[in-house]
Amino acid sequence: MGRAKVTVTINGKEYVAIPRADYLRMVGGKDLEGAVDAVEYGRKSLGRSLRAARDTAGLTQGELAEKLGKTQPMVSGAESGAVRVGEKYVAAVLEACGLPRDWKAPRTKKGSRSGGGAA
């Protein structure tokens, strides 16, 4: 193949992202059932963790936005995965919520983290 690949670790498991054409060649031209877009999954997972942090602190989106010096729609977008955020934003949210930088979202009933951990 010889093309670039990306390695991502989610919940302690390492995954490799490759170009779609290479993937389709490997599986005989058929998509695997249940496959998901890794970037979309990552954004939504992080968003769930951001919301869990805010909920843990008992804050509304508006209250968190005020503490961060951001707008409520920006906070909402980050929580839905529609707005890209970085490590600096995540650290600011955890600080505003009074949570340690290594805080992890609580596990859901299905045994997965509600967002994979926001730290």
PDB file of N, CA and C in Angstrom:
ATOM      1  N   MET A   1       0.820  -1.191   0.000  1.00  0.00           N
ATOM      2  CA  MET A   1       0.000   0.000   0.000  1.00  0.00           C
ATOM      3  C   MET A   1       0.864   1.255   0.000  1.00  0.00           C
ATOM      4  N   GLY A   2       1.760   1.402   0.992  1.00  0.00           N
ATOM      5  CA  GLY A   2       2.691   2.491   0.980  1.00  0.00           C
ATOM      6  C   GLY A   2       2.124   3.876   1.252  1.00  0.00           C
ATOM      7  N   ARG A   3       0.883   3.983   1.592  1.00  0.00           N
ATOM      8  CA  ARG A   3       0.283   5.300   1.879  1.00  0.00           C
ATOM      9  C   ARG A   3       0.385   5.612   3.354  1.00  0.00           C
ATOM     10  N   ALA A   4       0.135   6.865   3.669  1.00  0.00           N
ATOM     11  CA  ALA A   4       0.172   7.311   5.059  1.00  0.00           C
ATOM     12  C   ALA A   4      -0.939   6.644   5.856  1.00  0.00           C
ATOM     13  N   LYS A   5      -0.672   6.444   7.122  1.00  0.00           N
ATOM     14  CA  LYS A   5      -1.679   5.917   8.028  1.00  0.00           C
ATOM     15  C   LYS A   5      -1.630   6.718   9.314  1.00  0.00           C
ATOM     16  N   VAL A   6      -2.699   6.644  10.074  1.00  0.00           N
ATOM     17  CA  VAL A   6      -2.797   7.340  11.350  1.00  0.00           C
ATOM     18  C   VAL A   6      -3.086   6.301  12.410  1.00  0.00           C
ATOM     19  N   THR A   7      -2.389   6.382  13.523  1.00  0.00           N
ATOM     20  CA  THR A   7      -2.639   5.486  14.641  1.00  0.00           C
ATOM     21  C   THR A   7      -3.337   6.279  15.739  1.00  0.00           C
ATOM     22  N   VAL A   8      -4.430   5.715  16.265  1.00  0.00           N
ATOM     23  CA  VAL A   8      -5.232   6.379  17.292  1.00  0.00           C
ATOM     24  C   VAL A   8      -5.458   5.385  18.424  1.00  0.00           C
ATOM     25  N   THR A   9      -5.362   5.863  19.656  1.00  0.00           N
ATOM     26  CA  THR A   9      -5.651   5.013  20.805  1.00  0.00           C
ATOM     27  C   THR A   9      -6.933   5.529  21.451  1.00  0.00           C
ATOM     28  N   ILE A  10      -7.919   4.650  21.566  1.00  0.00           N
ATOM     29  CA  ILE A  10      -9.203   4.984  22.177  1.00  0.00           C
ATOM     30  C   ILE A  10      -9.473   3.960  23.262  1.00  0.00           C
ATOM     31  N   ASN A  11      -9.668   4.458  24.483  1.00  0.00           N
ATOM     32  CA  ASN A  11      -9.930   3.581  25.633  1.00  0.00           C
ATOM     33  C   ASN A  11      -8.899   2.465  25.739  1.00  0.00           C
ATOM     34  N   GLY A  12      -7.617   2.814  25.484  1.00  0.00           N
ATOM     35  CA  GLY A  12      -6.535   1.852  25.642  1.00  0.00           C
ATOM     36  C   GLY A  12      -6.341   0.895  24.489  1.00  0.00           C
ATOM     37  N   LYS A  13      -7.166   0.982  23.454  1.00  0.00           N
ATOM     38  CA  LYS A  13      -7.011   0.109  22.286  1.00  0.00           C
ATOM     39  C   LYS A  13      -6.446   0.923  21.134  1.00  0.00           C
ATOM     40  N   GLU A  14      -5.456   0.355  20.445  1.00  0.00           N
ATOM     41  CA  GLU A  14      -4.838   1.058  19.327  1.00  0.00           C
ATOM     42  C   GLU A  14      -5.534   0.699  18.021  1.00  0.00           C
ATOM     43  N   TYR A  15      -5.846   1.735  17.219  1.00  0.00           N
ATOM     44  CA  TYR A  15      -6.501   1.575  15.929  1.00  0.00           C
ATOM     45  C   TYR A  15      -5.638   2.231  14.857  1.00  0.00           C
ATOM     46  N   VAL A  16      -5.731   1.729  13.635  1.00  0.00           N
ATOM     47  CA  VAL A  16      -5.007   2.307  12.522  1.00  0.00           C
ATOM     48  C   VAL A  16      -6.023   2.789  11.498  1.00  0.00           C
ATOM     49  N   ALA A  17      -5.893   4.056  11.106  1.00  0.00           N
ATOM     50  CA  ALA A  17      -6.758   4.618  10.070  1.00  0.00           C
ATOM     51  C   ALA A  17      -5.959   4.650   8.770  1.00  0.00           C
ATOM     52  N   ILE A  18      -6.561   4.155   7.709  1.00  0.00           N
ATOM     53  CA  ILE A  18      -5.917   4.128   6.400  1.00  0.00           C
ATOM     54  C   ILE A  18      -6.851   4.731   5.361  1.00  0.00           C
ATOM     55  N   PRO A  19      -6.327   5.112   4.199  1.00  0.00           N
ATOM     56  CA  PRO A  19      -7.213   5.639   3.152  1.00  0.00           C
ATOM     57  C   PRO A  19      -8.299   4.631   2.785  1.00  0.00           C
ATOM     58  N   ARG A  20      -9.493   5.134   2.510  1.00  0.00           N
ATOM     59  CA  ARG A  20     -10.648   4.287   2.200  1.00  0.00           C
ATOM     60  C   ARG A  20     -10.368   3.326   1.048  1.00  0.00           C
ATOM     61  N   ALA A  21      -9.687   3.791   0.009  1.00  0.00           N
ATOM     62  CA  ALA A  21      -9.399   2.924  -1.142  1.00  0.00           C
ATOM     63  C   ALA A  21      -8.559   1.721  -0.717  1.00  0.00           C
ATOM     64  N   ASP A  22      -7.589   1.940   0.170  1.00  0.00           N
ATOM     65  CA  ASP A  22      -6.770   0.828   0.669  1.00  0.00           C
ATOM     66  C   ASP A  22      -7.623  -0.137   1.490  1.00  0.00           C
ATOM     67  N   TYR A  23      -8.472   0.424   2.318  1.00  0.00           N
ATOM     68  CA  TYR A  23      -9.369  -0.400   3.134  1.00  0.00           C
ATOM     69  C   TYR A  23     -10.266  -1.264   2.252  1.00  0.00           C
ATOM     70  N   LEU A  24     -10.873  -0.656   1.232  1.00  0.00           N
ATOM     71  CA  LEU A  24     -11.770  -1.408   0.344  1.00  0.00           C
ATOM     72  C   LEU A  24     -11.020  -2.508  -0.390  1.00  0.00           C
ATOM     73  N   ARG A  25      -9.776  -2.245  -0.761  1.00  0.00           N
ATOM     74  CA  ARG A  25      -8.970  -3.298  -1.395  1.00  0.00           C
ATOM     75  C   ARG A  25      -8.750  -4.463  -0.432  1.00  0.00           C
ATOM     76  N   MET A  26      -8.499  -4.147   0.825  1.00  0.00           N
ATOM     77  CA  MET A  26      -8.228  -5.192   1.819  1.00  0.00           C
ATOM     78  C   MET A  26      -9.446  -6.056   2.101  1.00  0.00           C
ATOM     79  N   VAL A  27     -10.646  -5.493   2.043  1.00  0.00           N
ATOM     80  CA  VAL A  27     -11.854  -6.258   2.366  1.00  0.00           C
ATOM     81  C   VAL A  27     -12.593  -6.700   1.108  1.00  0.00           C
ATOM     82  N   GLY A  28     -11.932  -6.668  -0.005  1.00  0.00           N
ATOM     83  CA  GLY A  28     -12.540  -7.157  -1.236  1.00  0.00           C
ATOM     84  C   GLY A  28     -13.592  -6.229  -1.815  1.00  0.00           C
ATOM     85  N   GLY A  29     -13.483  -4.931  -1.549  1.00  0.00           N
ATOM     86  CA  GLY A  29     -14.403  -3.964  -2.141  1.00  0.00           C
ATOM     87  C   GLY A  29     -15.706  -3.778  -1.389  1.00  0.00           C
ATOM     88  N   LYS A  30     -15.874  -4.452  -0.247  1.00  0.00           N
ATOM     89  CA  LYS A  30     -17.119  -4.342   0.514  1.00  0.00           C
ATOM     90  C   LYS A  30     -16.848  -3.677   1.858  1.00  0.00           C
ATOM     91  N   ASP A  31     -17.701  -2.731   2.214  1.00  0.00           N
ATOM     92  CA  ASP A  31     -17.598  -2.095   3.530  1.00  0.00           C
ATOM     93  C   ASP A  31     -17.986  -3.099   4.608  1.00  0.00           C
ATOM     94  N   LEU A  32     -17.317  -3.016   5.749  1.00  0.00           N
ATOM     95  CA  LEU A  32     -17.714  -3.849   6.881  1.00  0.00           C
ATOM     96  C   LEU A  32     -18.957  -3.252   7.512  1.00  0.00           C
ATOM     97  N   GLU A  33     -19.901  -4.099   7.832  1.00  0.00           N
ATOM     98  CA  GLU A  33     -21.131  -3.637   8.475  1.00  0.00           C
ATOM     99  C   GLU A  33     -20.807  -3.070   9.848  1.00  0.00           C
ATOM    100  N   GLY A  34     -21.378  -1.926  10.144  1.00  0.00           N
ATOM    101  CA  GLY A  34     -21.190  -1.309  11.448  1.00  0.00           C
ATOM    102  C   GLY A  34     -19.970  -0.410  11.545  1.00  0.00           C
ATOM    103  N   ALA A  35     -19.221  -0.233  10.447  1.00  0.00           N
ATOM    104  CA  ALA A  35     -18.052   0.639  10.483  1.00  0.00           C
ATOM    105  C   ALA A  35     -18.500   2.083  10.729  1.00  0.00           C
ATOM    106  N   VAL A  36     -17.682   2.847  11.456  1.00  0.00           N
ATOM    107  CA  VAL A  36     -18.005   4.234  11.758  1.00  0.00           C
ATOM    108  C   VAL A  36     -16.846   5.134  11.355  1.00  0.00           C
ATOM    109  N   ASP A  37     -17.135   6.392  11.141  1.00  0.00           N
ATOM    110  CA  ASP A  37     -16.119   7.390  10.847  1.00  0.00           C
ATOM    111  C   ASP A  37     -15.390   7.710  12.143  1.00  0.00           C
ATOM    112  N   ALA A  38     -14.085   7.495  12.177  1.00  0.00           N
ATOM    113  CA  ALA A  38     -13.309   7.663  13.412  1.00  0.00           C
ATOM    114  C   ALA A  38     -13.289   9.104  13.904  1.00  0.00           C
ATOM    115  N   VAL A  39     -13.195  10.060  12.993  1.00  0.00           N
ATOM    116  CA  VAL A  39     -13.151  11.464  13.405  1.00  0.00           C
ATOM    117  C   VAL A  39     -14.486  11.868  14.031  1.00  0.00           C
ATOM    118  N   GLU A  40     -15.574  11.491  13.374  1.00  0.00           N
ATOM    119  CA  GLU A  40     -16.901  11.811  13.917  1.00  0.00           C
ATOM    120  C   GLU A  40     -17.097  11.144  15.277  1.00  0.00           C
ATOM    121  N   TYR A  41     -16.688   9.886  15.384  1.00  0.00           N
ATOM    122  CA  TYR A  41     -16.807   9.167  16.651  1.00  0.00           C
ATOM    123  C   TYR A  41     -16.003   9.881  17.748  1.00  0.00           C
ATOM    124  N   GLY A  42     -14.780  10.284  17.405  1.00  0.00           N
ATOM    125  CA  GLY A  42     -13.925  10.954  18.378  1.00  0.00           C
ATOM    126  C   GLY A  42     -14.514  12.259  18.864  1.00  0.00           C
ATOM    127  N   ARG A  43     -15.051  13.062  17.939  1.00  0.00           N
ATOM    128  CA  ARG A  43     -15.653  14.344  18.316  1.00  0.00           C
ATOM    129  C   ARG A  43     -16.876  14.142  19.209  1.00  0.00           C
ATOM    130  N   LYS A  44     -17.723  13.180  18.846  1.00  0.00           N
ATOM    131  CA  LYS A  44     -18.925  12.934  19.653  1.00  0.00           C
ATOM    132  C   LYS A  44     -18.567  12.374  21.017  1.00  0.00           C
ATOM    133  N   SER A  45     -17.551  11.520  21.036  1.00  0.00           N
ATOM    134  CA  SER A  45     -17.103  10.940  22.299  1.00  0.00           C
ATOM    135  C   SER A  45     -16.550  12.025  23.222  1.00  0.00           C
ATOM    136  N   LEU A  46     -15.721  12.902  22.669  1.00  0.00           N
ATOM    137  CA  LEU A  46     -15.187  14.005  23.460  1.00  0.00           C
ATOM    138  C   LEU A  46     -16.320  14.917  23.923  1.00  0.00           C
ATOM    139  N   GLY A  47     -17.274  15.166  23.045  1.00  0.00           N
ATOM    140  CA  GLY A  47     -18.420  15.998  23.404  1.00  0.00           C
ATOM    141  C   GLY A  47     -19.193  15.429  24.572  1.00  0.00           C
ATOM    142  N   ARG A  48     -19.388  14.101  24.564  1.00  0.00           N
ATOM    143  CA  ARG A  48     -20.090  13.463  25.684  1.00  0.00           C
ATOM    144  C   ARG A  48     -19.310  13.635  26.984  1.00  0.00           C
ATOM    145  N   SER A  49     -17.985  13.563  26.892  1.00  0.00           N
ATOM    146  CA  SER A  49     -17.156  13.760  28.092  1.00  0.00           C
ATOM    147  C   SER A  49     -17.244  15.196  28.588  1.00  0.00           C
ATOM    148  N   LEU A  50     -17.249  16.155  27.660  1.00  0.00           N
ATOM    149  CA  LEU A  50     -17.372  17.556  28.053  1.00  0.00           C
ATOM    150  C   LEU A  50     -18.704  17.803  28.757  1.00  0.00           C
ATOM    151  N   ARG A  51     -19.758  17.215  28.221  1.00  0.00           N
ATOM    152  CA  ARG A  51     -21.071  17.377  28.862  1.00  0.00           C
ATOM    153  C   ARG A  51     -21.077  16.715  30.239  1.00  0.00           C
ATOM    154  N   ALA A  52     -20.477  15.529  30.338  1.00  0.00           N
ATOM    155  CA  ALA A  52     -20.432  14.837  31.627  1.00  0.00           C
ATOM    156  C   ALA A  52     -19.684  15.677  32.661  1.00  0.00           C
ATOM    157  N   ALA A  53     -18.615  16.345  32.238  1.00  0.00           N
ATOM    158  CA  ALA A  53     -17.867  17.212  33.157  1.00  0.00           C
ATOM    159  C   ALA A  53     -18.755  18.366  33.623  1.00  0.00           C
ATOM    160  N   ARG A  54     -19.453  18.985  32.679  1.00  0.00           N
ATOM    161  CA  ARG A  54     -20.339  20.103  33.025  1.00  0.00           C
ATOM    162  C   ARG A  54     -21.457  19.636  33.946  1.00  0.00           C
ATOM    163  N   ASP A  55     -22.057  18.479  33.623  1.00  0.00           N
ATOM    164  CA  ASP A  55     -23.127  17.937  34.471  1.00  0.00           C
ATOM    165  C   ASP A  55     -22.612  17.620  35.877  1.00  0.00           C
ATOM    166  N   THR A  56     -21.411  17.065  35.951  1.00  0.00           N
ATOM    167  CA  THR A  56     -20.813  16.737  37.250  1.00  0.00           C
ATOM    168  C   THR A  56     -20.661  17.990  38.111  1.00  0.00           C
ATOM    169  N   ALA A  57     -20.325  19.100  37.450  1.00  0.00           N
ATOM    170  CA  ALA A  57     -20.157  20.363  38.172  1.00  0.00           C
ATOM    171  C   ALA A  57     -21.485  21.055  38.455  1.00  0.00           C
ATOM    172  N   GLY A  58     -22.578  20.545  37.878  1.00  0.00           N
ATOM    173  CA  GLY A  58     -23.888  21.139  38.098  1.00  0.00           C
ATOM    174  C   GLY A  58     -24.070  22.471  37.381  1.00  0.00           C
ATOM    175  N   LEU A  59     -23.380  22.646  36.264  1.00  0.00           N
ATOM    176  CA  LEU A  59     -23.459  23.901  35.514  1.00  0.00           C
ATOM    177  C   LEU A  59     -24.348  23.762  34.288  1.00  0.00           C
ATOM    178  N   THR A  60     -24.988  24.855  33.902  1.00  0.00           N
ATOM    179  CA  THR A  60     -25.689  24.903  32.618  1.00  0.00           C
ATOM    180  C   THR A  60     -24.659  25.256  31.548  1.00  0.00           C
ATOM    181  N   GLN A  61     -25.042  25.103  30.292  1.00  0.00           N
ATOM    182  CA  GLN A  61     -24.145  25.511  29.211  1.00  0.00           C
ATOM    183  C   GLN A  61     -23.836  27.001  29.306  1.00  0.00           C
ATOM    184  N   GLY A  62     -24.838  27.797  29.631  1.00  0.00           N
ATOM    185  CA  GLY A  62     -24.647  29.232  29.762  1.00  0.00           C
ATOM    186  C   GLY A  62     -23.679  29.595  30.875  1.00  0.00           C
ATOM    187  N   GLU A  63     -23.809  28.916  32.006  1.00  0.00           N
ATOM    188  CA  GLU A  63     -22.909  29.180  33.136  1.00  0.00           C
ATOM    189  C   GLU A  63     -21.474  28.794  32.794  1.00  0.00           C
ATOM    190  N   LEU A  64     -21.302  27.644  32.141  1.00  0.00           N
ATOM    191  CA  LEU A  64     -19.962  27.225  31.740  1.00  0.00           C
ATOM    192  C   LEU A  64     -19.387  28.207  30.724  1.00  0.00           C
ATOM    193  N   ALA A  65     -20.202  28.607  29.771  1.00  0.00           N
ATOM    194  CA  ALA A  65     -19.746  29.564  28.757  1.00  0.00           C
ATOM    195  C   ALA A  65     -19.241  30.846  29.421  1.00  0.00           C
ATOM    196  N   GLU A  66     -19.988  31.331  30.399  1.00  0.00           N
ATOM    197  CA  GLU A  66     -19.589  32.552  31.101  1.00  0.00           C
ATOM    198  C   GLU A  66     -18.247  32.367  31.798  1.00  0.00           C
ATOM    199  N   LYS A  67     -18.061  31.231  32.466  1.00  0.00           N
ATOM    200  CA  LYS A  67     -16.790  30.957  33.160  1.00  0.00           C
ATOM    201  C   LYS A  67     -15.622  30.885  32.176  1.00  0.00           C
ATOM    202  N   LEU A  68     -15.902  30.399  30.962  1.00  0.00           N
ATOM    203  CA  LEU A  68     -14.854  30.226  29.949  1.00  0.00           C
ATOM    204  C   LEU A  68     -14.634  31.484  29.107  1.00  0.00           C
ATOM    205  N   GLY A  69     -15.567  32.431  29.186  1.00  0.00           N
ATOM    206  CA  GLY A  69     -15.493  33.592  28.312  1.00  0.00           C
ATOM    207  C   GLY A  69     -15.863  33.231  26.880  1.00  0.00           C
ATOM    208  N   LYS A  70     -16.724  32.227  26.743  1.00  0.00           N
ATOM    209  CA  LYS A  70     -17.199  31.763  25.432  1.00  0.00           C
ATOM    210  C   LYS A  70     -18.703  31.994  25.356  1.00  0.00           C
ATOM    211  N   THR A  71     -19.294  31.626  24.221  1.00  0.00           N
ATOM    212  CA  THR A  71     -20.741  31.739  24.081  1.00  0.00           C
ATOM    213  C   THR A  71     -21.393  30.390  24.376  1.00  0.00           C
ATOM    214  N   GLN A  72     -22.674  30.430  24.744  1.00  0.00           N
ATOM    215  CA  GLN A  72     -23.410  29.183  24.982  1.00  0.00           C
ATOM    216  C   GLN A  72     -23.466  28.325  23.712  1.00  0.00           C
ATOM    217  N   PRO A  73     -23.684  28.910  22.509  1.00  0.00           N
ATOM    218  CA  PRO A  73     -23.688  28.063  21.306  1.00  0.00           C
ATOM    219  C   PRO A  73     -22.335  27.370  21.057  1.00  0.00           C
ATOM    220  N   MET A  74     -21.238  28.017  21.455  1.00  0.00           N
ATOM    221  CA  MET A  74     -19.933  27.382  21.288  1.00  0.00           C
ATOM    222  C   MET A  74     -19.819  26.167  22.201  1.00  0.00           C
ATOM    223  N   VAL A  75     -20.250  26.329  23.455  1.00  0.00           N
ATOM    224  CA  VAL A  75     -20.225  25.206  24.408  1.00  0.00           C
ATOM    225  C   VAL A  75     -21.126  24.079  23.889  1.00  0.00           C
ATOM    226  N   SER A  76     -22.307  24.416  23.413  1.00  0.00           N
ATOM    227  CA  SER A  76     -23.224  23.422  22.866  1.00  0.00           C
ATOM    228  C   SER A  76     -22.595  22.692  21.684  1.00  0.00           C
ATOM    229  N   GLY A  77     -21.952  23.448  20.804  1.00  0.00           N
ATOM    230  CA  GLY A  77     -21.305  22.839  19.639  1.00  0.00           C
ATOM    231  C   GLY A  77     -20.182  21.896  20.027  1.00  0.00           C
ATOM    232  N   ALA A  78     -19.419  22.271  21.039  1.00  0.00           N
ATOM    233  CA  ALA A  78     -18.342  21.401  21.515  1.00  0.00           C
ATOM    234  C   ALA A  78     -18.922  20.110  22.087  1.00  0.00           C
ATOM    235  N   GLU A  79     -20.026  20.225  22.824  1.00  0.00           N
ATOM    236  CA  GLU A  79     -20.646  19.045  23.428  1.00  0.00           C
ATOM    237  C   GLU A  79     -21.312  18.139  22.401  1.00  0.00           C
ATOM    238  N   SER A  80     -21.749  18.706  21.285  1.00  0.00           N
ATOM    239  CA  SER A  80     -22.395  17.879  20.249  1.00  0.00           C
ATOM    240  C   SER A  80     -21.391  17.322  19.259  1.00  0.00           C
ATOM    241  N   GLY A  81     -20.165  17.829  19.313  1.00  0.00           N
ATOM    242  CA  GLY A  81     -19.146  17.386  18.369  1.00  0.00           C
ATOM    243  C   GLY A  81     -19.126  18.206  17.090  1.00  0.00           C
ATOM    244  N   ALA A  82     -19.976  19.227  17.014  1.00  0.00           N
ATOM    245  CA  ALA A  82     -20.047  20.055  15.806  1.00  0.00           C
ATOM    246  C   ALA A  82     -18.917  21.076  15.736  1.00  0.00           C
ATOM    247  N   VAL A  83     -18.369  21.455  16.893  1.00  0.00           N
ATOM    248  CA  VAL A  83     -17.289  22.431  16.950  1.00  0.00           C
ATOM    249  C   VAL A  83     -16.007  21.711  17.356  1.00  0.00           C
ATOM    250  N   ARG A  84     -14.944  21.930  16.595  1.00  0.00           N
ATOM    251  CA  ARG A  84     -13.657  21.330  16.918  1.00  0.00           C
ATOM    252  C   ARG A  84     -13.051  22.053  18.109  1.00  0.00           C
ATOM    253  N   VAL A  85     -12.577  21.284  19.074  1.00  0.00           N
ATOM    254  CA  VAL A  85     -11.907  21.859  20.238  1.00  0.00           C
ATOM    255  C   VAL A  85     -10.597  21.114  20.454  1.00  0.00           C
ATOM    256  N   GLY A  86      -9.702  21.777  21.151  1.00  0.00           N
ATOM    257  CA  GLY A  86      -8.399  21.176  21.418  1.00  0.00           C
ATOM    258  C   GLY A  86      -8.163  20.934  22.887  1.00  0.00           C
ATOM    259  N   GLU A  87      -6.950  20.521  23.172  1.00  0.00           N
ATOM    260  CA  GLU A  87      -6.559  20.190  24.540  1.00  0.00           C
ATOM    261  C   GLU A  87      -6.707  21.386  25.478  1.00  0.00           C
ATOM    262  N   LYS A  88      -6.397  22.582  24.974  1.00  0.00           N
ATOM    263  CA  LYS A  88      -6.501  23.800  25.782  1.00  0.00           C
ATOM    264  C   LYS A  88      -7.948  24.031  26.236  1.00  0.00           C
ATOM    265  N   TYR A  89      -8.909  23.828  25.324  1.00  0.00           N
ATOM    266  CA  TYR A  89     -10.320  24.004  25.670  1.00  0.00           C
ATOM    267  C   TYR A  89     -10.753  22.959  26.701  1.00  0.00           C
ATOM    268  N   VAL A  90     -10.356  21.711  26.481  1.00  0.00           N
ATOM    269  CA  VAL A  90     -10.725  20.641  27.409  1.00  0.00           C
ATOM    270  C   VAL A  90     -10.178  20.954  28.799  1.00  0.00           C
ATOM    271  N   ALA A  91      -8.922  21.389  28.876  1.00  0.00           N
ATOM    272  CA  ALA A  91      -8.320  21.730  30.172  1.00  0.00           C
ATOM    273  C   ALA A  91      -9.073  22.879  30.837  1.00  0.00           C
ATOM    274  N   ALA A  92      -9.495  23.867  30.042  1.00  0.00           N
ATOM    275  CA  ALA A  92     -10.241  25.003  30.588  1.00  0.00           C
ATOM    276  C   ALA A  92     -11.595  24.561  31.122  1.00  0.00           C
ATOM    277  N   VAL A  93     -12.255  23.644  30.414  1.00  0.00           N
ATOM    278  CA  VAL A  93     -13.551  23.126  30.877  1.00  0.00           C
ATOM    279  C   VAL A  93     -13.374  22.389  32.196  1.00  0.00           C
ATOM    280  N   LEU A  94     -12.379  21.521  32.270  1.00  0.00           N
ATOM    281  CA  LEU A  94     -12.153  20.768  33.510  1.00  0.00           C
ATOM    282  C   LEU A  94     -11.860  21.714  34.669  1.00  0.00           C
ATOM    283  N   GLU A  95     -11.050  22.744  34.423  1.00  0.00           N
ATOM    284  CA  GLU A  95     -10.739  23.716  35.476  1.00  0.00           C
ATOM    285  C   GLU A  95     -11.997  24.475  35.901  1.00  0.00           C
ATOM    286  N   ALA A  96     -12.784  24.921  34.917  1.00  0.00           N
ATOM    287  CA  ALA A  96     -14.013  25.665  35.222  1.00  0.00           C
ATOM    288  C   ALA A  96     -15.007  24.806  36.001  1.00  0.00           C
ATOM    289  N   CYS A  97     -14.952  23.506  35.774  1.00  0.00           N
ATOM    290  CA  CYS A  97     -15.857  22.575  36.460  1.00  0.00           C
ATOM    291  C   CYS A  97     -15.290  22.092  37.790  1.00  0.00           C
ATOM    292  N   GLY A  98     -14.080  22.544  38.115  1.00  0.00           N
ATOM    293  CA  GLY A  98     -13.462  22.142  39.391  1.00  0.00           C
ATOM    294  C   GLY A  98     -13.008  20.697  39.397  1.00  0.00           C
ATOM    295  N   LEU A  99     -12.656  20.179  38.210  1.00  0.00           N
ATOM    296  CA  LEU A  99     -12.251  18.783  38.091  1.00  0.00           C
ATOM    297  C   LEU A  99     -10.760  18.691  37.778  1.00  0.00           C
ATOM    298  N   PRO A 100     -10.091  17.615  38.219  1.00  0.00           N
ATOM    299  CA  PRO A 100      -8.662  17.466  37.919  1.00  0.00           C
ATOM    300  C   PRO A 100      -8.434  17.194  36.427  1.00  0.00           C
ATOM    301  N   ARG A 101      -7.251  17.511  35.946  1.00  0.00           N
ATOM    302  CA  ARG A 101      -6.931  17.317  34.522  1.00  0.00           C
ATOM    303  C   ARG A 101      -7.017  15.863  34.092  1.00  0.00           C
ATOM    304  N   ASP A 102      -6.853  14.929  35.021  1.00  0.00           N
ATOM    305  CA  ASP A 102      -6.912  13.512  34.659  1.00  0.00           C
ATOM    306  C   ASP A 102      -8.311  12.909  34.883  1.00  0.00           C
ATOM    307  N   TRP A 103      -9.320  13.768  35.071  1.00  0.00           N
ATOM    308  CA  TRP A 103     -10.694  13.307  35.278  1.00  0.00           C
ATOM    309  C   TRP A 103     -11.173  12.491  34.081  1.00  0.00           C
ATOM    310  N   LYS A 104     -11.898  11.446  34.343  1.00  0.00           N
ATOM    311  CA  LYS A 104     -12.511  10.620  33.294  1.00  0.00           C
ATOM    312  C   LYS A 104     -14.017  10.610  33.503  1.00  0.00           C
ATOM    313  N   ALA A 105     -14.739  10.631  32.397  1.00  0.00           N
ATOM    314  CA  ALA A 105     -16.205  10.578  32.474  1.00  0.00           C
ATOM    315  C   ALA A 105     -16.623   9.258  33.096  1.00  0.00           C
ATOM    316  N   PRO A 106     -17.699   9.265  33.884  1.00  0.00           N
ATOM    317  CA  PRO A 106     -18.168   8.018  34.489  1.00  0.00           C
ATOM    318  C   PRO A 106     -18.644   7.036  33.427  1.00  0.00           C
ATOM    319  N   ARG A 107     -18.571   5.776  33.769  1.00  0.00           N
ATOM    320  CA  ARG A 107     -19.021   4.742  32.831  1.00  0.00           C
ATOM    321  C   ARG A 107     -20.531   4.735  32.710  1.00  0.00           C
ATOM    322  N   THR A 108     -21.012   4.404  31.510  1.00  0.00           N
ATOM    323  CA  THR A 108     -22.453   4.283  31.288  1.00  0.00           C
ATOM    324  C   THR A 108     -22.889   2.862  31.620  1.00  0.00           C
ATOM    325  N   LYS A 109     -24.169   2.593  31.531  1.00  0.00           N
ATOM    326  CA  LYS A 109     -24.702   1.267  31.828  1.00  0.00           C
ATOM    327  C   LYS A 109     -24.127   0.190  30.909  1.00  0.00           C
ATOM    328  N   LYS A 110     -23.744   0.570  29.684  1.00  0.00           N
ATOM    329  CA  LYS A 110     -23.208  -0.408  28.740  1.00  0.00           C
ATOM    330  C   LYS A 110     -21.750  -0.729  29.008  1.00  0.00           C
ATOM    331  N   GLY A 111     -21.134  -0.052  29.998  1.00  0.00           N
ATOM    332  CA  GLY A 111     -19.757  -0.357  30.354  1.00  0.00           C
ATOM    333  C   GLY A 111     -18.734   0.511  29.647  1.00  0.00           C
ATOM    334  N   SER A 112     -19.175   1.384  28.756  1.00  0.00           N
ATOM    335  CA  SER A 112     -18.225   2.287  28.106  1.00  0.00           C
ATOM    336  C   SER A 112     -18.275   3.618  28.811  1.00  0.00           C
ATOM    337  N   ARG A 113     -17.248   4.399  28.635  1.00  0.00           N
ATOM    338  CA  ARG A 113     -17.261   5.732  29.232  1.00  0.00           C
ATOM    339  C   ARG A 113     -18.265   6.578  28.494  1.00  0.00           C
ATOM    340  N   SER A 114     -18.867   7.505  29.212  1.00  0.00           N
ATOM    341  CA  SER A 114     -19.878   8.343  28.552  1.00  0.00           C
ATOM    342  C   SER A 114     -19.237   9.198  27.478  1.00  0.00           C
ATOM    343  N   GLY A 115     -17.928   9.325  27.483  1.00  0.00           N
ATOM    344  CA  GLY A 115     -17.274  10.072  26.426  1.00  0.00           C
ATOM    345  C   GLY A 115     -15.859   9.639  26.191  1.00  0.00           C
ATOM    346  N   GLY A 116     -15.425   8.559  26.803  1.00  0.00           N
ATOM    347  CA  GLY A 116     -14.082   8.120  26.599  1.00  0.00           C
ATOM    348  C   GLY A 116     -13.058   8.856  27.438  1.00  0.00           C
ATOM    349  N   GLY A 117     -13.511   9.783  28.279  1.00  0.00           N
ATOM    350  CA  GLY A 117     -12.602  10.560  29.105  1.00  0.00           C
ATOM    351  C   GLY A 117     -12.226  11.845  28.419  1.00  0.00           C
ATOM    352  N   ALA A 118     -12.303  12.924  29.104  1.00  0.00           N
ATOM    353  CA  ALA A 118     -12.041  14.205  28.485  1.00  0.00           C
ATOM    354  C   ALA A 118     -10.650  14.719  28.774  1.00  0.00           C
ATOM    355  N   ALA A 119      -9.908  14.060  29.609  1.00  0.00           N
ATOM    356  CA  ALA A 119      -8.597  14.573  29.974  1.00  0.00           C
ATOM    357  C   ALA A 119      -7.556  14.226  28.956  1.00  0.00           C
TER     358      ALA A 119
END
